[in-house]
């Protein structure tokens, strides 16, 4: 079953399809975001807020979030812990 991660403002991504989460402070990442926008591969989930994290997906899409990488990482880890607990209860 796919693990959905809340990336802010009610937006969710499939945690199994995330390759990387990167902060958008560096110039190369900003260029990567602009290139993805130009190619139609950027999914803006910031709701008009400042972009703090770019999630690089298996499909080549970039999902932009207003949450920090640390916040999303915590949500990923807590989701995996909940999934492990469910498996223990089932088995």
Protein backbone atom coordinates (compact mmCIF):
# COMPACT_ATOMS: atom_id res chain seq x y z
CA UNK A 1 0.00 0.00 0.00
CA UNK A 2 1.30 3.46 -0.91
CA UNK A 3 2.35 5.71 1.94
CA UNK A 4 0.97 9.21 1.40
CA UNK A 5 2.97 12.05 2.93
CA UNK A 6 1.32 15.39 3.74
CA UNK A 7 3.51 18.10 2.19
CA UNK A 8 1.36 20.97 3.42
CA UNK A 9 -2.03 22.58 2.78
CA UNK A 10 -3.73 19.21 2.32
CA UNK A 11 -1.41 18.13 -0.50
CA UNK A 12 -0.09 14.59 -0.44
CA UNK A 13 2.60 12.68 -2.34
CA UNK A 14 3.37 8.99 -2.57
CA UNK A 15 6.31 8.52 -0.19
CA UNK A 16 7.44 5.41 -2.09
CA UNK A 17 8.08 7.50 -5.23
CA UNK A 18 10.28 10.21 -3.65
CA UNK A 19 13.91 10.00 -4.78
CA UNK A 20 15.18 13.06 -2.94
CA UNK A 21 14.12 16.07 -0.87
CA UNK A 22 16.28 19.14 -1.33
CA UNK A 23 16.30 22.64 0.12
CA UNK A 24 15.78 25.38 -2.45
CA UNK A 25 18.48 27.72 -1.11
CA UNK A 26 21.21 26.79 -3.62
CA UNK A 27 21.38 28.29 -7.11
CA UNK A 28 21.61 24.90 -8.91
CA UNK A 29 18.34 23.81 -7.28
CA UNK A 30 16.68 27.08 -8.31
CA UNK A 31 17.80 26.40 -11.89
CA UNK A 32 16.47 22.85 -11.67
CA UNK A 33 13.09 24.21 -10.53
CA UNK A 34 12.99 26.75 -13.37
CA UNK A 35 13.86 24.05 -15.91
CA UNK A 36 11.10 21.81 -14.52
CA UNK A 37 8.61 24.69 -14.79
CA UNK A 38 9.68 25.35 -18.39
CA UNK A 39 9.24 21.66 -19.27
CA UNK A 40 5.91 21.32 -17.44
CA UNK A 41 7.33 18.91 -14.85
CA UNK A 42 6.92 21.15 -11.77
CA UNK A 43 3.98 20.59 -9.43
CA UNK A 44 3.56 23.67 -7.24
CA UNK A 45 1.98 22.70 -3.90
CA UNK A 46 3.06 25.88 -2.06
CA UNK A 47 -0.31 27.69 -2.22
CA UNK A 48 1.53 30.94 -2.96
CA UNK A 49 4.01 30.60 -0.10
CA UNK A 50 7.80 30.61 -0.40
CA UNK A 51 9.16 27.34 -1.80
CA UNK A 52 11.39 25.70 0.81
CA UNK A 53 11.63 22.11 -0.45
CA UNK A 54 11.72 20.45 -3.84
CA UNK A 55 10.79 16.78 -3.88
CA UNK A 56 12.35 14.92 -6.80
CA UNK A 57 10.04 12.12 -7.87
CA UNK A 58 10.75 8.87 -9.77
CA UNK A 59 8.75 10.19 -12.72
CA UNK A 60 11.09 13.17 -13.12
CA UNK A 61 8.57 15.62 -11.70
CA UNK A 62 9.54 18.19 -9.08
CA UNK A 63 6.96 18.74 -6.35
CA UNK A 64 7.42 22.10 -4.63
CA UNK A 65 6.45 22.50 -0.99
CA UNK A 66 6.40 25.40 1.44
CA UNK A 67 7.43 23.08 4.29
CA UNK A 68 11.07 22.57 5.24
CA UNK A 69 12.91 19.38 4.37
CA UNK A 70 13.17 18.57 8.09
CA UNK A 71 9.40 18.79 8.58
CA UNK A 72 8.69 16.53 5.61
CA UNK A 73 11.38 14.06 6.74
CA UNK A 74 9.76 13.83 10.18
CA UNK A 75 6.40 13.16 8.54
CA UNK A 76 7.99 10.43 6.40
CA UNK A 77 9.59 8.75 9.40
CA UNK A 78 6.40 8.88 11.48
CA UNK A 79 4.48 7.37 8.57
CA UNK A 80 6.94 4.47 8.35
CA UNK A 81 6.64 3.86 12.12
CA UNK A 82 2.84 3.76 11.87
CA UNK A 83 3.10 1.34 8.94
CA UNK A 84 5.41 -0.96 10.95
CA UNK A 85 2.97 -0.96 13.91
CA UNK A 86 0.09 -1.94 11.60
CA UNK A 87 2.16 -4.83 10.20
CA UNK A 88 2.96 -6.06 13.74
CA UNK A 89 -0.73 -5.96 14.69
CA UNK A 90 -1.73 -7.85 11.53
CA UNK A 91 0.89 -10.56 11.99
